[in-house]
Amino acid sequence: MNPIVHTLDRARAAQTESDKPTRAEVEAAVRTIIRWTGDDPERDGLLETPARVTRSFEEFFAGYDQRPAEILEKTFEEIEGYDEMIALRGIRFESHCEHHMAPIIGQAWVAYIPNGRVVGISKLARVVDIYARRLQIQEKMTAQIANTINEVLKPQGVGVIIKASHHCMTTRGVHKPDTDLVTSRMLGCFRDNALTRQEFLGIAV
């Protein structure tokens, strides 16, 4: 376990909590946005909207209150010497871009080659979800997932591929609804060994 990652996660959580606006402030901000759109936040259909939006934001951005490194701390060493690739494919996620707060909808493929210990496969999906439930750019999210797995599990290598549709360019701006973005991060033997990298790419997208 990398103590620097652990300490930084805790420091960010403490700082975020101390600077966090109250629920009433968030709901007031939503009412301001409604007025800015030209509608009336006091009309019947919108009276409960500020509270609903606030609750939905709590769900969308729950990743700020979670520390992904801790998710990976429990591992299993009774693996009979298993040292081949472990790949979890098609992990669906929903995120929001940090530039427009528009949805990012996609899938992640996560693989690693263990070095004496493995982690429960659901933990890999949870790490993806934690980073997804923050304001993101896809490139950073891809690196965060791979770096965390590499730093905590210390495997022989890690590979992460993300394929996602960004609503900031499919439903606004350039309006290109059929496009998606593919990013990857290869560490250890996934970067150094072309055969390992190709094997992963062959079972991913």
C-alpha atoms as a PDB file:
ATOM      1  CA  MET A   1       0.000   0.000   0.000  1.00  0.00           C
ATOM      2  CA  ASN A   2       1.419   3.369  -0.986  1.00  0.00           C
ATOM      3  CA  PRO A   3       1.176   5.603   2.125  1.00  0.00           C
ATOM      4  CA  ILE A   4       1.363   8.745  -0.004  1.00  0.00           C
ATOM      5  CA  VAL A   5      -1.797   7.811  -1.938  1.00  0.00           C
ATOM      6  CA  HIS A   6      -3.569   6.930   1.315  1.00  0.00           C
ATOM      7  CA  THR A   7      -2.573  10.208   2.992  1.00  0.00           C
ATOM      8  CA  LEU A   8      -3.525  12.339  -0.007  1.00  0.00           C
ATOM      9  CA  ASP A   9      -6.953  10.698  -0.221  1.00  0.00           C
ATOM     10  CA  ARG A  10      -7.610  11.430   3.446  1.00  0.00           C
ATOM     11  CA  ALA A  11      -6.346  15.002   3.167  1.00  0.00           C
ATOM     12  CA  ARG A  12      -8.581  15.700   0.177  1.00  0.00           C
ATOM     13  CA  ALA A  13     -11.582  14.203   1.966  1.00  0.00           C
ATOM     14  CA  ALA A  14     -10.977  16.367   5.057  1.00  0.00           C
ATOM     15  CA  GLN A  15     -10.499  19.522   3.006  1.00  0.00           C
ATOM     16  CA  THR A  16     -13.588  18.815   0.903  1.00  0.00           C
ATOM     17  CA  GLU A  17     -15.706  18.263   3.998  1.00  0.00           C
ATOM     18  CA  SER A  18     -14.578  21.517   5.638  1.00  0.00           C
ATOM     19  CA  ASP A  19     -15.252  23.554   2.476  1.00  0.00           C
ATOM     20  CA  LYS A  20     -18.517  21.844   1.585  1.00  0.00           C
ATOM     21  CA  PRO A  21     -21.594  24.086   1.171  1.00  0.00           C
ATOM     22  CA  THR A  22     -24.714  23.194   3.117  1.00  0.00           C
ATOM     23  CA  ARG A  23     -27.669  21.442   1.510  1.00  0.00           C
ATOM     24  CA  ALA A  24     -29.660  24.680   1.816  1.00  0.00           C
ATOM     25  CA  GLU A  25     -26.952  26.559  -0.131  1.00  0.00           C
ATOM     26  CA  VAL A  26     -26.986  23.965  -2.898  1.00  0.00           C
ATOM     27  CA  GLU A  27     -30.767  24.068  -3.183  1.00  0.00           C
ATOM     28  CA  ALA A  28     -30.655  27.874  -3.313  1.00  0.00           C
ATOM     29  CA  ALA A  29     -28.122  27.647  -6.149  1.00  0.00           C
ATOM     30  CA  VAL A  30     -30.433  25.328  -8.081  1.00  0.00           C
ATOM     31  CA  ARG A  31     -33.294  27.798  -7.648  1.00  0.00           C
ATOM     32  CA  THR A  32     -31.034  30.513  -9.056  1.00  0.00           C
ATOM     33  CA  ILE A  33     -30.279  28.348 -12.096  1.00  0.00           C
ATOM     34  CA  ILE A  34     -33.995  27.728 -12.635  1.00  0.00           C
ATOM     35  CA  ARG A  35     -34.638  31.471 -12.564  1.00  0.00           C
ATOM     36  CA  TRP A  36     -31.727  32.001 -14.968  1.00  0.00           C
ATOM     37  CA  THR A  37     -33.305  29.585 -17.471  1.00  0.00           C
ATOM     38  CA  GLY A  38     -36.397  31.789 -17.450  1.00  0.00           C
ATOM     39  CA  ASP A  39     -38.659  29.565 -15.368  1.00  0.00           C
ATOM     40  CA  ASP A  40     -40.230  30.078 -11.958  1.00  0.00           C
ATOM     41  CA  PRO A  41     -38.818  27.893  -9.137  1.00  0.00           C
ATOM     42  CA  GLU A  42     -41.996  28.562  -7.138  1.00  0.00           C
ATOM     43  CA  ARG A  43     -44.377  26.958  -9.591  1.00  0.00           C
ATOM     44  CA  ASP A  44     -45.818  23.587  -8.570  1.00  0.00           C
ATOM     45  CA  GLY A  45     -43.805  21.459 -10.985  1.00  0.00           C
ATOM     46  CA  LEU A  46     -40.497  22.931  -9.803  1.00  0.00           C
ATOM     47  CA  LEU A  47     -41.051  23.347  -6.073  1.00  0.00           C
ATOM     48  CA  GLU A  48     -39.259  20.125  -5.161  1.00  0.00           C
ATOM     49  CA  THR A  49     -36.718  20.243  -7.980  1.00  0.00           C
ATOM     50  CA  PRO A  50     -33.893  21.872  -5.954  1.00  0.00           C
ATOM     51  CA  ALA A  51     -34.091  19.102  -3.343  1.00  0.00           C
ATOM     52  CA  ARG A  52     -34.234  16.404  -6.024  1.00  0.00           C
ATOM     53  CA  VAL A  53     -31.249  17.865  -7.891  1.00  0.00           C
ATOM     54  CA  THR A  54     -29.252  18.020  -4.664  1.00  0.00           C
ATOM     55  CA  ARG A  55     -30.009  14.370  -3.881  1.00  0.00           C
ATOM     56  CA  SER A  56     -29.049  13.339  -7.409  1.00  0.00           C
ATOM     57  CA  PHE A  57     -25.769  15.256  -7.145  1.00  0.00           C
ATOM     58  CA  GLU A  58     -25.003  13.366  -3.930  1.00  0.00           C
ATOM     59  CA  GLU A  59     -25.288  10.160  -5.940  1.00  0.00           C
ATOM     60  CA  PHE A  60     -23.484  11.436  -9.034  1.00  0.00           C
ATOM     61  CA  PHE A  61     -20.477  12.670  -7.048  1.00  0.00           C
ATOM     62  CA  ALA A  62     -20.325  10.129  -4.214  1.00  0.00           C
ATOM     63  CA  GLY A  63     -16.796   9.212  -5.268  1.00  0.00           C
ATOM     64  CA  TYR A  64     -15.344  12.204  -3.461  1.00  0.00           C
ATOM     65  CA  ASP A  65     -16.298  10.629  -0.126  1.00  0.00           C
ATOM     66  CA  GLN A  66     -14.658   7.282  -0.927  1.00  0.00           C
ATOM     67  CA  ARG A  67     -11.008   6.264  -1.024  1.00  0.00           C
ATOM     68  CA  PRO A  68     -10.314   3.754  -3.819  1.00  0.00           C
ATOM     69  CA  ALA A  69      -6.990   2.619  -2.362  1.00  0.00           C
ATOM     70  CA  GLU A  70      -8.794   1.266   0.713  1.00  0.00           C
ATOM     71  CA  ILE A  71     -11.097  -0.820  -1.491  1.00  0.00           C
ATOM     72  CA  LEU A  72      -8.101  -2.818  -2.741  1.00  0.00           C
ATOM     73  CA  GLU A  73      -6.462  -3.451   0.636  1.00  0.00           C
ATOM     74  CA  LYS A  74      -8.024  -6.885   1.229  1.00  0.00           C
ATOM     75  CA  THR A  75      -6.263  -9.402  -0.995  1.00  0.00           C
ATOM     76  CA  PHE A  76      -5.950 -13.181  -1.303  1.00  0.00           C
ATOM     77  CA  GLU A  77      -2.615 -14.980  -1.453  1.00  0.00           C
ATOM     78  CA  GLU A  78      -3.779 -18.614  -1.779  1.00  0.00           C
ATOM     79  CA  ILE A  79      -3.776 -18.616  -5.553  1.00  0.00           C
ATOM     80  CA  GLU A  80      -1.660 -21.740  -6.279  1.00  0.00           C
ATOM     81  CA  GLY A  81       0.949 -19.667  -8.077  1.00  0.00           C
ATOM     82  CA  TYR A  82      -1.521 -18.184 -10.584  1.00  0.00           C
ATOM     83  CA  ASP A  83       0.362 -15.604 -12.640  1.00  0.00           C
ATOM     84  CA  GLU A  84      -1.691 -15.130 -15.814  1.00  0.00           C
ATOM     85  CA  MET A  85      -3.830 -12.185 -16.820  1.00  0.00           C
ATOM     86  CA  ILE A  86      -6.968 -11.324 -14.867  1.00  0.00           C
ATOM     87  CA  ALA A  87      -9.339  -9.132 -16.864  1.00  0.00           C
ATOM     88  CA  LEU A  88     -12.717  -7.676 -15.933  1.00  0.00           C
ATOM     89  CA  ARG A  89     -14.505  -6.606 -19.088  1.00  0.00           C
ATOM     90  CA  GLY A  90     -17.242  -4.118 -19.869  1.00  0.00           C
ATOM     91  CA  ILE A  91     -17.571  -2.359 -16.495  1.00  0.00           C
ATOM     92  CA  ARG A  92     -20.343   0.125 -17.198  1.00  0.00           C
ATOM     93  CA  PHE A  93     -20.053   3.531 -15.552  1.00  0.00           C
ATOM     94  CA  GLU A  94     -21.657   6.961 -15.541  1.00  0.00           C
ATOM     95  CA  SER A  95     -19.565  10.050 -14.911  1.00  0.00           C
ATOM     96  CA  HIS A  96     -19.686  13.810 -15.579  1.00  0.00           C
ATOM     97  CA  CYS A  97     -17.150  15.917 -17.443  1.00  0.00           C
ATOM     98  CA  GLU A  98     -15.447  18.607 -15.408  1.00  0.00           C
ATOM     99  CA  HIS A  99     -15.763  21.167 -18.196  1.00  0.00           C
ATOM    100  CA  HIS A 100     -19.541  21.145 -18.728  1.00  0.00           C
ATOM    101  CA  MET A 101     -20.834  18.773 -16.016  1.00  0.00           C
ATOM    102  CA  ALA A 102     -22.416  16.809 -18.869  1.00  0.00           C
ATOM    103  CA  PRO A 103     -22.757  13.012 -18.618  1.00  0.00           C
ATOM    104  CA  ILE A 104     -20.013  10.616 -19.698  1.00  0.00           C
ATOM    105  CA  ILE A 105     -21.431   7.139 -20.314  1.00  0.00           C
ATOM    106  CA  GLY A 106     -19.058   4.301 -20.982  1.00  0.00           C
ATOM    107  CA  GLN A 107     -17.394   1.016 -20.180  1.00  0.00           C
ATOM    108  CA  ALA A 108     -14.031   0.114 -18.702  1.00  0.00           C
ATOM    109  CA  TRP A 109     -11.832  -2.931 -19.243  1.00  0.00           C
ATOM    110  CA  VAL A 110      -9.414  -3.526 -16.369  1.00  0.00           C
ATOM    111  CA  ALA A 111      -6.675  -6.169 -16.302  1.00  0.00           C
ATOM    112  CA  TYR A 112      -3.650  -7.023 -14.217  1.00  0.00           C
ATOM    113  CA  ILE A 113      -1.151  -9.845 -13.852  1.00  0.00           C
ATOM    114  CA  PRO A 114      -0.806 -10.721 -10.166  1.00  0.00           C
ATOM    115  CA  ASN A 115       2.426 -10.873  -8.258  1.00  0.00           C
ATOM    116  CA  GLY A 116       1.542 -13.375  -5.535  1.00  0.00           C
ATOM    117  CA  ARG A 117      -1.872 -11.991  -4.558  1.00  0.00           C
ATOM    118  CA  VAL A 118      -5.208 -11.129  -6.110  1.00  0.00           C
ATOM    119  CA  VAL A 119      -8.147  -8.949  -5.184  1.00  0.00           C
ATOM    120  CA  GLY A 120     -11.881  -9.714  -5.349  1.00  0.00           C
ATOM    121  CA  ILE A 121     -13.125  -8.862  -8.833  1.00  0.00           C
ATOM    122  CA  SER A 122     -15.949  -6.673  -7.523  1.00  0.00           C
ATOM    123  CA  LYS A 123     -13.286  -4.408  -6.020  1.00  0.00           C
ATOM    124  CA  LEU A 124     -12.003  -3.586  -9.505  1.00  0.00           C
ATOM    125  CA  ALA A 125     -15.481  -2.465 -10.527  1.00  0.00           C
ATOM    126  CA  ARG A 126     -15.793  -0.395  -7.364  1.00  0.00           C
ATOM    127  CA  VAL A 127     -12.538   1.418  -8.088  1.00  0.00           C
ATOM    128  CA  VAL A 128     -13.896   2.330 -11.528  1.00  0.00           C
ATOM    129  CA  ASP A 129     -17.144   3.595  -9.961  1.00  0.00           C
ATOM    130  CA  ILE A 130     -15.384   5.698  -7.325  1.00  0.00           C
ATOM    131  CA  TYR A 131     -13.330   7.581  -9.879  1.00  0.00           C
ATOM    132  CA  ALA A 132     -16.306   7.834 -12.232  1.00  0.00           C
ATOM    133  CA  ARG A 133     -18.434   9.475  -9.541  1.00  0.00           C
ATOM    134  CA  ARG A 134     -16.307  12.606  -9.609  1.00  0.00           C
ATOM    135  CA  LEU A 135     -15.967  15.443 -12.086  1.00  0.00           C
ATOM    136  CA  GLN A 136     -13.666  13.931 -14.674  1.00  0.00           C
ATOM    137  CA  ILE A 137     -11.891  13.970 -17.967  1.00  0.00           C
ATOM    138  CA  GLN A 138     -11.562  10.504 -19.419  1.00  0.00           C
ATOM    139  CA  GLU A 139      -7.798  10.626 -19.778  1.00  0.00           C
ATOM    140  CA  LYS A 140      -7.315  11.396 -16.080  1.00  0.00           C
ATOM    141  CA  MET A 141      -9.836   8.786 -14.965  1.00  0.00           C
ATOM    142  CA  THR A 142      -8.053   6.109 -17.025  1.00  0.00           C
ATOM    143  CA  ALA A 143      -4.717   6.954 -15.412  1.00  0.00           C
ATOM    144  CA  GLN A 144      -6.197   7.141 -11.896  1.00  0.00           C
ATOM    145  CA  ILE A 145      -7.680   3.643 -12.117  1.00  0.00           C
ATOM    146  CA  ALA A 146      -4.488   2.084 -13.459  1.00  0.00           C
ATOM    147  CA  ASN A 147      -2.179   3.967 -11.084  1.00  0.00           C
ATOM    148  CA  THR A 148      -4.209   3.040  -7.991  1.00  0.00           C
ATOM    149  CA  ILE A 149      -4.312  -0.669  -8.860  1.00  0.00           C
ATOM    150  CA  ASN A 150      -0.592  -0.607  -9.603  1.00  0.00           C
ATOM    151  CA  GLU A 151       0.345   1.229  -6.395  1.00  0.00           C
ATOM    152  CA  VAL A 152      -1.797  -0.876  -4.064  1.00  0.00           C
ATOM    153  CA  LEU A 153      -1.559  -4.402  -5.522  1.00  0.00           C
ATOM    154  CA  LYS A 154       1.968  -4.041  -6.927  1.00  0.00           C
ATOM    155  CA  PRO A 155       1.250  -6.538  -9.735  1.00  0.00           C
ATOM    156  CA  GLN A 156       3.501  -7.434 -12.639  1.00  0.00           C
ATOM    157  CA  GLY A 157       1.460  -5.064 -14.773  1.00  0.00           C
ATOM    158  CA  VAL A 158      -1.851  -3.245 -15.197  1.00  0.00           C
ATOM    159  CA  GLY A 159      -3.910  -2.396 -18.246  1.00  0.00           C
ATOM    160  CA  VAL A 160      -6.968  -0.135 -18.387  1.00  0.00           C
ATOM    161  CA  ILE A 161      -9.047   0.755 -21.433  1.00  0.00           C
ATOM    162  CA  ILE A 162     -12.049   3.077 -21.340  1.00  0.00           C
ATOM    163  CA  LYS A 163     -14.535   3.648 -24.140  1.00  0.00           C
ATOM    164  CA  ALA A 164     -17.152   6.344 -23.520  1.00  0.00           C
ATOM    165  CA  SER A 165     -19.636   8.719 -25.085  1.00  0.00           C
ATOM    166  CA  HIS A 166     -19.388  12.336 -23.941  1.00  0.00           C
ATOM    167  CA  HIS A 167     -22.616  14.310 -23.885  1.00  0.00           C
ATOM    168  CA  CYS A 168     -20.647  17.557 -23.956  1.00  0.00           C
ATOM    169  CA  MET A 169     -20.091  16.819 -27.651  1.00  0.00           C
ATOM    170  CA  THR A 170     -22.988  14.484 -28.498  1.00  0.00           C
ATOM    171  CA  THR A 171     -25.912  16.596 -27.182  1.00  0.00           C
ATOM    172  CA  ARG A 172     -24.346  20.081 -27.327  1.00  0.00           C
ATOM    173  CA  GLY A 173     -21.472  21.872 -29.044  1.00  0.00           C
ATOM    174  CA  VAL A 174     -20.502  19.993 -32.206  1.00  0.00           C
ATOM    175  CA  HIS A 175     -23.467  17.563 -31.862  1.00  0.00           C
ATOM    176  CA  LYS A 176     -21.751  14.352 -33.017  1.00  0.00           C
ATOM    177  CA  PRO A 177     -23.978  11.662 -31.450  1.00  0.00           C
ATOM    178  CA  ASP A 178     -22.230   8.608 -32.918  1.00  0.00           C
ATOM    179  CA  THR A 179     -18.761   9.343 -31.577  1.00  0.00           C
ATOM    180  CA  ASP A 180     -16.977   7.811 -28.618  1.00  0.00           C
ATOM    181  CA  LEU A 181     -13.567   8.273 -27.047  1.00  0.00           C
ATOM    182  CA  VAL A 182     -11.135   5.435 -26.321  1.00  0.00           C
ATOM    183  CA  THR A 183      -8.268   5.856 -23.851  1.00  0.00           C
ATOM    184  CA  SER A 184      -5.777   3.410 -22.378  1.00  0.00           C
ATOM    185  CA  ARG A 185      -3.122   3.174 -19.699  1.00  0.00           C
ATOM    186  CA  MET A 186      -0.547   0.367 -19.712  1.00  0.00           C
ATOM    187  CA  LEU A 187       1.884  -0.180 -16.845  1.00  0.00           C
ATOM    188  CA  GLY A 188       4.557  -2.774 -16.106  1.00  0.00           C
ATOM    189  CA  CYS A 189       4.499  -5.794 -18.409  1.00  0.00           C
ATOM    190  CA  PHE A 190       1.485  -4.387 -20.278  1.00  0.00           C
ATOM    191  CA  ARG A 191       3.703  -1.512 -21.406  1.00  0.00           C
ATOM    192  CA  ASP A 192       6.956  -3.448 -21.814  1.00  0.00           C
ATOM    193  CA  ASN A 193       5.693  -6.681 -23.391  1.00  0.00           C
ATOM    194  CA  ALA A 194       3.969  -6.316 -26.749  1.00  0.00           C
ATOM    195  CA  LEU A 195       2.437  -9.824 -26.542  1.00  0.00           C
ATOM    196  CA  THR A 196       0.842  -9.115 -23.151  1.00  0.00           C
ATOM    197  CA  ARG A 197      -0.489  -5.800 -24.391  1.00  0.00           C
ATOM    198  CA  GLN A 198      -1.877  -7.404 -27.549  1.00  0.00           C
ATOM    199  CA  GLU A 199      -3.549 -10.165 -25.542  1.00  0.00           C
ATOM    200  CA  PHE A 200      -5.351  -7.568 -23.449  1.00  0.00           C
ATOM    201  CA  LEU A 201      -6.371  -5.520 -26.474  1.00  0.00           C
ATOM    202  CA  GLY A 202      -7.679  -8.688 -28.091  1.00  0.00           C
ATOM    203  CA  ILE A 203     -10.116  -9.430 -25.249  1.00  0.00           C
ATOM    204  CA  ALA A 204     -11.113  -5.802 -24.724  1.00  0.00           C
ATOM    205  CA  VAL A 205     -12.626  -3.388 -27.229  1.00  0.00           C
END
